[in-house]
Protein backbone atom coordinates (compact mmCIF):
# COMPACT_ATOMS: atom_id res chain seq x y z
CA MET A 1 6.38 14.82 4.46
CA ILE A 2 5.64 11.14 5.35
CA ILE A 3 7.42 8.30 3.57
CA ILE A 4 6.09 4.93 3.84
CA THR A 5 7.69 1.60 2.60
CA GLY A 6 6.15 -1.93 2.98
CA SER A 7 6.49 -5.43 1.97
CA ALA A 8 3.92 -8.21 1.96
CA ARG A 9 4.28 -11.80 1.07
CA ALA A 10 1.02 -13.25 -0.72
CA LEU A 11 0.04 -16.55 0.35
CA PRO A 12 0.75 -19.58 -1.77
CA GLY A 13 -1.49 -19.27 -4.94
CA ARG A 14 -2.89 -15.70 -3.83
CA ARG A 15 -0.37 -13.38 -5.88
CA ASP A 16 -2.66 -12.36 -8.58
CA GLN A 17 -5.36 -11.40 -6.22
CA LEU A 18 -3.17 -9.52 -4.10
CA VAL A 19 -1.81 -7.58 -7.66
CA ALA A 20 -5.57 -7.31 -8.57
CA ALA A 21 -6.28 -5.44 -5.23
CA SER A 22 -3.21 -3.29 -5.30
CA ILE A 23 -3.87 -2.27 -9.30
CA ASP A 24 -7.28 -1.11 -8.00
CA ILE A 25 -6.29 1.00 -4.85
CA VAL A 26 -3.54 2.90 -6.85
CA ALA A 27 -5.55 5.05 -9.05
CA ALA A 28 -8.04 6.02 -6.33
CA THR A 29 -5.13 6.96 -4.11
CA ARG A 30 -3.34 8.92 -6.49
CA ALA A 31 -6.24 11.21 -6.38
CA ASP A 32 -6.47 11.54 -2.73
CA ASP A 33 -5.79 15.00 -1.60
CA GLY A 34 -2.23 15.00 -0.27
CA CYS A 35 -1.06 12.03 -2.06
CA LEU A 36 2.37 12.67 -3.69
CA SER A 37 3.22 9.28 -4.61
CA TYR A 38 1.80 5.86 -4.46
CA GLY A 39 2.62 2.57 -5.86
CA PHE A 40 3.20 -1.42 -5.57
CA TYR A 41 6.00 -3.14 -7.12
CA ALA A 42 7.00 -6.74 -7.55
CA ASN A 43 10.37 -7.88 -5.61
CA LEU A 44 12.81 -8.99 -8.37
CA THR A 45 14.04 -11.95 -6.85
CA ASP A 46 10.90 -13.08 -4.72
CA PRO A 47 7.84 -13.23 -7.06
CA GLU A 48 5.55 -13.62 -3.86
CA LEU A 49 6.57 -10.54 -2.11
CA ILE A 50 4.95 -7.17 -3.24
CA VAL A 51 6.61 -3.90 -2.13
CA SER A 52 4.73 -0.68 -1.45
CA VAL A 53 6.05 3.24 -1.34
CA GLU A 54 3.84 5.99 -0.52
CA VAL A 55 4.52 9.52 0.00
CA TRP A 56 2.00 11.79 1.67
CA ARG A 57 2.03 15.54 2.03
CA ASP A 58 1.18 15.47 5.67
CA GLN A 59 -0.43 12.87 8.44
CA ALA A 60 -3.59 14.47 7.89
CA ALA A 61 -3.69 13.51 4.42
CA LEU A 62 -2.64 10.23 5.51
CA ASP A 63 -5.08 9.88 7.89
CA GLU A 64 -7.95 10.67 5.24
CA HIS A 65 -6.67 8.08 3.07
CA MET A 66 -6.94 5.33 5.87
CA GLY A 67 -10.51 6.44 6.25
CA HIS A 68 -11.71 6.23 2.58
CA ALA A 69 -13.47 3.40 1.21
CA HIS A 70 -11.09 2.26 -1.29
CA THR A 71 -8.60 2.11 1.57
CA THR A 72 -10.94 -0.11 3.91
CA ASP A 73 -11.67 -2.17 0.43
CA PHE A 74 -8.12 -2.94 0.01
CA LEU A 75 -7.28 -3.64 3.28
CA ALA A 76 -9.98 -6.13 3.55
CA VAL A 77 -8.76 -8.08 0.47
CA ALA A 78 -5.19 -8.08 1.58
CA GLY A 79 -5.69 -9.06 4.68
CA THR A 80 -7.35 -12.50 3.16
CA VAL A 81 -4.30 -12.88 0.55
CA VAL A 82 -1.31 -11.63 2.62
CA ASP A 83 0.81 -14.27 4.89
CA GLY A 84 1.18 -12.54 8.04
CA GLU A 85 1.49 -9.08 8.76
CA PRO A 86 3.33 -6.42 6.24
CA ASP A 87 6.42 -5.12 7.07
CA MET A 88 6.19 -1.23 7.15
CA ASP A 89 8.63 1.45 7.78
CA ILE A 90 7.18 5.27 8.07
CA GLN A 91 9.58 8.18 7.93
CA THR A 92 8.38 11.61 8.90
CA HIS A 93 10.42 14.44 7.22
CA THR A 94 9.60 18.16 8.23
CA SER A 95 11.30 20.67 6.24
């Protein structure tokens, strides 16, 4: 299992666009084979900071997700509305 947590700060005035892009990718990604959980959440003390949590069955499922059009479309939009690089933490768990 792979657990990814991340956060990204929207550029000034661009939060609504980041939220809209996040909403668009959630439904499509939750239908991806191997996606166990996927969501975006608001930081309660910093409204410009959006937090993400993803759980994947394995690396193959994550790799497939990264090649989907809904993922590349999201990343293209995020690249125009996010301030700097998102912070990401990837944890791999084996049973």
